Amino acid sequence: MQHSMVNYLTAISYESLGYIDESCTLFDETIQQFKALDADPSIVAGTSLEAGKAFYSKGDRERACQLWEQALSYYEGNDDDIEHYARTKANLASVLLNDPDENRQKEGIKLIEESSNIKSQIGDLDGLATNYCNLGLYYWRTNNFEKAIAYLRRDLYLSKKVGNFRSVATTLVNLSQLYASMNQFSPARDLLRETK
């Protein structure tokens, strides 16, 4: 079991350092090891949640969704892991929002709204800001500019409240580009000045 935990931590490190192929390979091996050892299901679910990020970074969205759905089946109804449940839903939603199929996009909106309700209830403002960012970018891509602005403004408010200056700067740039795409150059320039 200890060897598998070392592999798990190594896989996370590889993913953080950008060694995505190595991370994915190690995550697959680790999940198989945990299952062979009949490890606690929460460990397998947590590993699947992290592994999904690596596969998503690799561009293998199908595998990422498969892993996140496995994690979701464990976390669903488990109040002790409500934060992981909300995070897994948000991860799945981010993939679905980028799917060309409109029905899958609608499913993504539903998932991210469910995740946002949970994140709001448990006080995960940083995670909630990320959800709002993803919704804002989605509505921007689908030319629903009113909703895009509303969600990106919510993201900006929460990012400032949390004090995550990197997120604040990213959201200000997103909003600036959104206004520019609408030919509203004065607010776009104001937002860029605030970013600086």
C-alpha atoms as a PDB file:
ATOM      1  CA  MET A   1       0.000   0.000   0.000  1.00  0.00           C
ATOM      2  CA  GLN A   2       2.837   2.390   0.848  1.00  0.00           C
ATOM      3  CA  HIS A   3       4.391   1.882  -2.600  1.00  0.00           C
ATOM      4  CA  SER A   4       1.034   2.737  -4.233  1.00  0.00           C
ATOM      5  CA  MET A   5       0.729   5.929  -2.161  1.00  0.00           C
ATOM      6  CA  VAL A   6       4.222   6.975  -3.272  1.00  0.00           C
ATOM      7  CA  ASN A   7       3.168   6.370  -6.892  1.00  0.00           C
ATOM      8  CA  TYR A   8       0.027   8.442  -6.323  1.00  0.00           C
ATOM      9  CA  LEU A   9       2.015  11.385  -4.953  1.00  0.00           C
ATOM     10  CA  THR A  10       4.568  11.052  -7.740  1.00  0.00           C
ATOM     11  CA  ALA A  11       1.795  11.102 -10.362  1.00  0.00           C
ATOM     12  CA  ILE A  12       0.398  14.325  -8.858  1.00  0.00           C
ATOM     13  CA  SER A  13       3.886  15.856  -8.898  1.00  0.00           C
ATOM     14  CA  TYR A  14       4.452  14.843 -12.517  1.00  0.00           C
ATOM     15  CA  GLU A  15       1.151  16.431 -13.516  1.00  0.00           C
ATOM     16  CA  SER A  16       2.040  19.664 -11.697  1.00  0.00           C
ATOM     17  CA  LEU A  17       5.445  19.766 -13.386  1.00  0.00           C
ATOM     18  CA  GLY A  18       3.970  19.215 -16.833  1.00  0.00           C
ATOM     19  CA  TYR A  19       5.075  15.605 -17.335  1.00  0.00           C
ATOM     20  CA  ILE A  20       1.554  14.692 -18.395  1.00  0.00           C
ATOM     21  CA  ASP A  21       2.200  11.384 -20.205  1.00  0.00           C
ATOM     22  CA  GLU A  22       4.245  10.056 -17.288  1.00  0.00           C
ATOM     23  CA  SER A  23       1.581  11.243 -14.847  1.00  0.00           C
ATOM     24  CA  CYS A  24      -1.228   9.487 -16.749  1.00  0.00           C
ATOM     25  CA  THR A  25       0.724   6.236 -16.971  1.00  0.00           C
ATOM     26  CA  LEU A  26       1.492   6.315 -13.265  1.00  0.00           C
ATOM     27  CA  PHE A  27      -2.105   7.186 -12.346  1.00  0.00           C
ATOM     28  CA  ASP A  28      -3.392   4.200 -14.348  1.00  0.00           C
ATOM     29  CA  GLU A  29      -0.898   1.883 -12.614  1.00  0.00           C
ATOM     30  CA  THR A  30      -1.773   3.318  -9.196  1.00  0.00           C
ATOM     31  CA  ILE A  31      -5.528   2.909  -9.666  1.00  0.00           C
ATOM     32  CA  GLN A  32      -4.996  -0.734 -10.689  1.00  0.00           C
ATOM     33  CA  GLN A  33      -2.754  -1.286  -7.652  1.00  0.00           C
ATOM     34  CA  PHE A  34      -5.325   0.230  -5.278  1.00  0.00           C
ATOM     35  CA  LYS A  35      -8.074  -1.947  -6.748  1.00  0.00           C
ATOM     36  CA  ALA A  36      -5.896  -5.078  -6.503  1.00  0.00           C
ATOM     37  CA  LEU A  37      -5.170  -4.237  -2.864  1.00  0.00           C
ATOM     38  CA  ASP A  38      -8.906  -3.746  -2.240  1.00  0.00           C
ATOM     39  CA  ALA A  39      -8.070  -0.262  -0.941  1.00  0.00           C
ATOM     40  CA  ASP A  40     -10.613   1.952   0.758  1.00  0.00           C
ATOM     41  CA  PRO A  41     -13.024   3.222  -1.956  1.00  0.00           C
ATOM     42  CA  SER A  42     -12.379   6.813  -0.849  1.00  0.00           C
ATOM     43  CA  ILE A  43      -8.705   6.396  -1.830  1.00  0.00           C
ATOM     44  CA  VAL A  44      -9.664   5.057  -5.260  1.00  0.00           C
ATOM     45  CA  ALA A  45     -12.177   7.904  -5.713  1.00  0.00           C
ATOM     46  CA  GLY A  46      -9.612  10.532  -4.704  1.00  0.00           C
ATOM     47  CA  THR A  47      -7.062   9.028  -7.070  1.00  0.00           C
ATOM     48  CA  SER A  48      -9.618   8.993  -9.896  1.00  0.00           C
ATOM     49  CA  LEU A  49     -10.456  12.640  -9.216  1.00  0.00           C
ATOM     50  CA  GLU A  50      -6.786  13.671  -9.470  1.00  0.00           C
ATOM     51  CA  ALA A  51      -6.087  11.354 -12.410  1.00  0.00           C
ATOM     52  CA  GLY A  52      -8.926  12.951 -14.362  1.00  0.00           C
ATOM     53  CA  LYS A  53      -7.067  16.275 -14.234  1.00  0.00           C
ATOM     54  CA  ALA A  54      -3.985  14.685 -15.782  1.00  0.00           C
ATOM     55  CA  PHE A  55      -5.942  12.999 -18.571  1.00  0.00           C
ATOM     56  CA  TYR A  56      -7.840  16.232 -19.229  1.00  0.00           C
ATOM     57  CA  SER A  57      -4.504  18.072 -19.527  1.00  0.00           C
ATOM     58  CA  LYS A  58      -3.372  15.382 -21.958  1.00  0.00           C
ATOM     59  CA  GLY A  59      -6.438  16.046 -24.114  1.00  0.00           C
ATOM     60  CA  ASP A  60      -8.070  12.697 -23.364  1.00  0.00           C
ATOM     61  CA  ARG A  61     -11.447  14.080 -22.329  1.00  0.00           C
ATOM     62  CA  GLU A  62     -13.181  10.718 -22.600  1.00  0.00           C
ATOM     63  CA  ARG A  63     -10.834   9.117 -20.070  1.00  0.00           C
ATOM     64  CA  ALA A  64     -11.041  12.180 -17.810  1.00  0.00           C
ATOM     65  CA  CYS A  65     -14.854  11.962 -17.794  1.00  0.00           C
ATOM     66  CA  GLN A  66     -14.723   8.225 -17.118  1.00  0.00           C
ATOM     67  CA  LEU A  67     -12.482   8.781 -14.088  1.00  0.00           C
ATOM     68  CA  TRP A  68     -14.581  11.658 -12.770  1.00  0.00           C
ATOM     69  CA  GLU A  69     -17.783   9.647 -13.187  1.00  0.00           C
ATOM     70  CA  GLN A  70     -16.198   6.825 -11.160  1.00  0.00           C
ATOM     71  CA  ALA A  71     -15.271   9.312  -8.441  1.00  0.00           C
ATOM     72  CA  LEU A  72     -18.743  10.860  -8.569  1.00  0.00           C
ATOM     73  CA  SER A  73     -20.414   7.495  -8.024  1.00  0.00           C
ATOM     74  CA  TYR A  74     -18.466   7.143  -4.762  1.00  0.00           C
ATOM     75  CA  TYR A  75     -18.941  10.731  -3.544  1.00  0.00           C
ATOM     76  CA  GLU A  76     -22.666  10.927  -4.299  1.00  0.00           C
ATOM     77  CA  GLY A  77     -24.620  10.832  -1.055  1.00  0.00           C
ATOM     78  CA  ASN A  78     -21.445  10.838   1.045  1.00  0.00           C
ATOM     79  CA  ASP A  79     -21.651  13.952   3.222  1.00  0.00           C
ATOM     80  CA  ASP A  80     -18.075  13.527   4.481  1.00  0.00           C
ATOM     81  CA  ASP A  81     -16.771  14.152   0.965  1.00  0.00           C
ATOM     82  CA  ILE A  82     -19.192  16.891  -0.115  1.00  0.00           C
ATOM     83  CA  GLU A  83     -16.339  19.201  -1.173  1.00  0.00           C
ATOM     84  CA  HIS A  84     -14.868  16.508  -3.443  1.00  0.00           C
ATOM     85  CA  TYR A  85     -18.358  15.786  -4.780  1.00  0.00           C
ATOM     86  CA  ALA A  86     -18.827  19.440  -5.783  1.00  0.00           C
ATOM     87  CA  ARG A  87     -15.335  19.568  -7.296  1.00  0.00           C
ATOM     88  CA  THR A  88     -15.922  16.407  -9.334  1.00  0.00           C
ATOM     89  CA  LYS A  89     -19.222  17.773 -10.662  1.00  0.00           C
ATOM     90  CA  ALA A  90     -17.495  21.021 -11.660  1.00  0.00           C
ATOM     91  CA  ASN A  91     -14.717  19.107 -13.439  1.00  0.00           C
ATOM     92  CA  LEU A  92     -17.228  17.046 -15.420  1.00  0.00           C
ATOM     93  CA  ALA A  93     -19.219  20.182 -16.216  1.00  0.00           C
ATOM     94  CA  SER A  94     -16.163  21.957 -17.624  1.00  0.00           C
ATOM     95  CA  VAL A  95     -15.739  19.151 -20.171  1.00  0.00           C
ATOM     96  CA  LEU A  96     -19.429  19.076 -21.085  1.00  0.00           C
ATOM     97  CA  LEU A  97     -19.611  22.856 -21.554  1.00  0.00           C
ATOM     98  CA  ASN A  98     -17.011  22.498 -24.322  1.00  0.00           C
ATOM     99  CA  ASP A  99     -18.807  19.628 -26.052  1.00  0.00           C
ATOM    100  CA  PRO A 100     -20.218  20.434 -29.520  1.00  0.00           C
ATOM    101  CA  ASP A 101     -23.492  18.640 -28.624  1.00  0.00           C
ATOM    102  CA  GLU A 102     -25.996  21.148 -27.180  1.00  0.00           C
ATOM    103  CA  ASN A 103     -27.603  18.481 -24.975  1.00  0.00           C
ATOM    104  CA  ARG A 104     -24.220  17.734 -23.405  1.00  0.00           C
ATOM    105  CA  GLN A 105     -23.743  21.481 -22.860  1.00  0.00           C
ATOM    106  CA  LYS A 106     -27.113  21.648 -21.077  1.00  0.00           C
ATOM    107  CA  GLU A 107     -26.039  18.731 -18.896  1.00  0.00           C
ATOM    108  CA  GLY A 108     -22.824  20.658 -18.132  1.00  0.00           C
ATOM    109  CA  ILE A 109     -24.805  23.748 -17.107  1.00  0.00           C
ATOM    110  CA  LYS A 110     -26.943  21.610 -14.787  1.00  0.00           C
ATOM    111  CA  LEU A 111     -23.881  19.988 -13.201  1.00  0.00           C
ATOM    112  CA  ILE A 112     -22.029  23.261 -12.692  1.00  0.00           C
ATOM    113  CA  GLU A 113     -25.102  24.890 -11.144  1.00  0.00           C
ATOM    114  CA  GLU A 114     -25.454  21.940  -8.741  1.00  0.00           C
ATOM    115  CA  SER A 115     -21.766  22.216  -7.917  1.00  0.00           C
ATOM    116  CA  SER A 116     -22.112  25.979  -7.384  1.00  0.00           C
ATOM    117  CA  ASN A 117     -24.993  25.495  -4.938  1.00  0.00           C
ATOM    118  CA  ILE A 118     -22.879  23.103  -2.876  1.00  0.00           C
ATOM    119  CA  LYS A 119     -19.787  25.311  -3.017  1.00  0.00           C
ATOM    120  CA  SER A 120     -21.878  28.265  -1.882  1.00  0.00           C
ATOM    121  CA  GLN A 121     -23.296  26.291   1.052  1.00  0.00           C
ATOM    122  CA  ILE A 122     -19.907  25.034   2.250  1.00  0.00           C
ATOM    123  CA  GLY A 123     -18.180  28.403   1.762  1.00  0.00           C
ATOM    124  CA  ASP A 124     -15.829  27.379  -1.051  1.00  0.00           C
ATOM    125  CA  LEU A 125     -15.654  30.858  -2.562  1.00  0.00           C
ATOM    126  CA  ASP A 126     -12.551  30.127  -4.633  1.00  0.00           C
ATOM    127  CA  GLY A 127     -14.211  27.083  -6.212  1.00  0.00           C
ATOM    128  CA  LEU A 128     -17.419  29.052  -6.730  1.00  0.00           C
ATOM    129  CA  ALA A 129     -15.465  31.800  -8.513  1.00  0.00           C
ATOM    130  CA  THR A 130     -13.954  29.163 -10.821  1.00  0.00           C
ATOM    131  CA  ASN A 131     -17.432  27.834 -11.615  1.00  0.00           C
ATOM    132  CA  TYR A 132     -18.644  31.345 -12.420  1.00  0.00           C
ATOM    133  CA  CYS A 133     -15.604  31.871 -14.637  1.00  0.00           C
ATOM    134  CA  ASN A 134     -16.348  28.675 -16.560  1.00  0.00           C
ATOM    135  CA  LEU A 135     -19.992  29.683 -17.001  1.00  0.00           C
ATOM    136  CA  GLY A 136     -18.988  33.179 -18.099  1.00  0.00           C
ATOM    137  CA  LEU A 137     -16.612  31.816 -20.718  1.00  0.00           C
ATOM    138  CA  TYR A 138     -19.256  29.339 -21.892  1.00  0.00           C
ATOM    139  CA  TYR A 139     -21.872  32.049 -22.363  1.00  0.00           C
ATOM    140  CA  TRP A 140     -19.309  34.225 -24.128  1.00  0.00           C
ATOM    141  CA  ARG A 141     -18.571  31.380 -26.598  1.00  0.00           C
ATOM    142  CA  THR A 142     -22.308  30.974 -27.228  1.00  0.00           C
ATOM    143  CA  ASN A 143     -22.750  34.751 -27.743  1.00  0.00           C
ATOM    144  CA  ASN A 144     -24.980  35.212 -24.696  1.00  0.00           C
ATOM    145  CA  PHE A 145     -23.092  38.353 -23.685  1.00  0.00           C
ATOM    146  CA  GLU A 146     -25.454  39.449 -20.916  1.00  0.00           C
ATOM    147  CA  LYS A 147     -25.014  36.176 -19.012  1.00  0.00           C
ATOM    148  CA  ALA A 148     -21.284  36.118 -19.807  1.00  0.00           C
ATOM    149  CA  ILE A 149     -20.794  39.537 -18.215  1.00  0.00           C
ATOM    150  CA  ALA A 150     -22.960  38.626 -15.210  1.00  0.00           C
ATOM    151  CA  TYR A 151     -20.998  35.440 -14.450  1.00  0.00           C
ATOM    152  CA  LEU A 152     -17.585  36.989 -15.038  1.00  0.00           C
ATOM    153  CA  ARG A 153     -18.556  39.893 -12.737  1.00  0.00           C
ATOM    154  CA  ARG A 154     -19.531  37.344 -10.052  1.00  0.00           C
ATOM    155  CA  ASP A 155     -16.196  35.609 -10.595  1.00  0.00           C
ATOM    156  CA  LEU A 156     -14.390  38.948 -10.215  1.00  0.00           C
ATOM    157  CA  TYR A 157     -16.271  39.825  -7.013  1.00  0.00           C
ATOM    158  CA  LEU A 158     -15.487  36.469  -5.375  1.00  0.00           C
ATOM    159  CA  SER A 159     -11.857  36.425  -6.553  1.00  0.00           C
ATOM    160  CA  LYS A 160     -11.354  39.849  -4.952  1.00  0.00           C
ATOM    161  CA  LYS A 161     -13.092  38.678  -1.780  1.00  0.00           C
ATOM    162  CA  VAL A 162     -10.825  35.600  -1.579  1.00  0.00           C
ATOM    163  CA  GLY A 163      -7.761  37.717  -2.359  1.00  0.00           C
ATOM    164  CA  ASN A 164      -6.586  35.559  -5.238  1.00  0.00           C
ATOM    165  CA  PHE A 165      -4.848  38.282  -7.273  1.00  0.00           C
ATOM    166  CA  ARG A 166      -3.916  35.945 -10.097  1.00  0.00           C
ATOM    167  CA  SER A 167      -7.589  35.047 -10.552  1.00  0.00           C
ATOM    168  CA  VAL A 168      -8.547  38.719 -10.278  1.00  0.00           C
ATOM    169  CA  ALA A 169      -6.106  39.640 -13.054  1.00  0.00           C
ATOM    170  CA  THR A 170      -7.273  36.742 -15.258  1.00  0.00           C
ATOM    171  CA  THR A 171     -10.919  37.710 -14.836  1.00  0.00           C
ATOM    172  CA  LEU A 172     -10.213  41.382 -15.537  1.00  0.00           C
ATOM    173  CA  VAL A 173      -8.474  40.388 -18.779  1.00  0.00           C
ATOM    174  CA  ASN A 174     -11.381  38.062 -19.687  1.00  0.00           C
ATOM    175  CA  LEU A 175     -13.890  40.857 -19.076  1.00  0.00           C
ATOM    176  CA  SER A 176     -11.773  43.323 -21.045  1.00  0.00           C
ATOM    177  CA  GLN A 177     -11.612  40.977 -24.027  1.00  0.00           C
ATOM    178  CA  LEU A 178     -15.345  40.314 -23.774  1.00  0.00           C
ATOM    179  CA  TYR A 179     -16.141  44.043 -23.863  1.00  0.00           C
ATOM    180  CA  ALA A 180     -13.705  44.506 -26.765  1.00  0.00           C
ATOM    181  CA  SER A 181     -15.436  41.700 -28.693  1.00  0.00           C
ATOM    182  CA  MET A 182     -18.671  43.687 -28.214  1.00  0.00           C
ATOM    183  CA  ASN A 183     -16.956  46.860 -29.533  1.00  0.00           C
ATOM    184  CA  GLN A 184     -17.230  48.497 -26.101  1.00  0.00           C
ATOM    185  CA  PHE A 185     -13.677  49.769 -25.956  1.00  0.00           C
ATOM    186  CA  SER A 186     -13.973  52.260 -23.109  1.00  0.00           C
ATOM    187  CA  PRO A 187     -14.882  49.658 -20.436  1.00  0.00           C
ATOM    188  CA  ALA A 188     -12.333  47.284 -21.999  1.00  0.00           C
ATOM    189  CA  ARG A 189      -9.544  49.868 -21.507  1.00  0.00           C
ATOM    190  CA  ASP A 190     -10.709  50.608 -17.938  1.00  0.00           C
ATOM    191  CA  LEU A 191     -10.525  46.918 -17.074  1.00  0.00           C
ATOM    192  CA  LEU A 192      -7.030  46.612 -18.558  1.00  0.00           C
ATOM    193  CA  ARG A 193      -5.883  49.596 -16.501  1.00  0.00           C
ATOM    194  CA  GLU A 194      -7.256  47.922 -13.387  1.00  0.00           C
ATOM    195  CA  THR A 195      -5.408  44.732 -14.343  1.00  0.00           C
ATOM    196  CA  LYS A 196      -2.083  46.620 -14.416  1.00  0.00           C
END
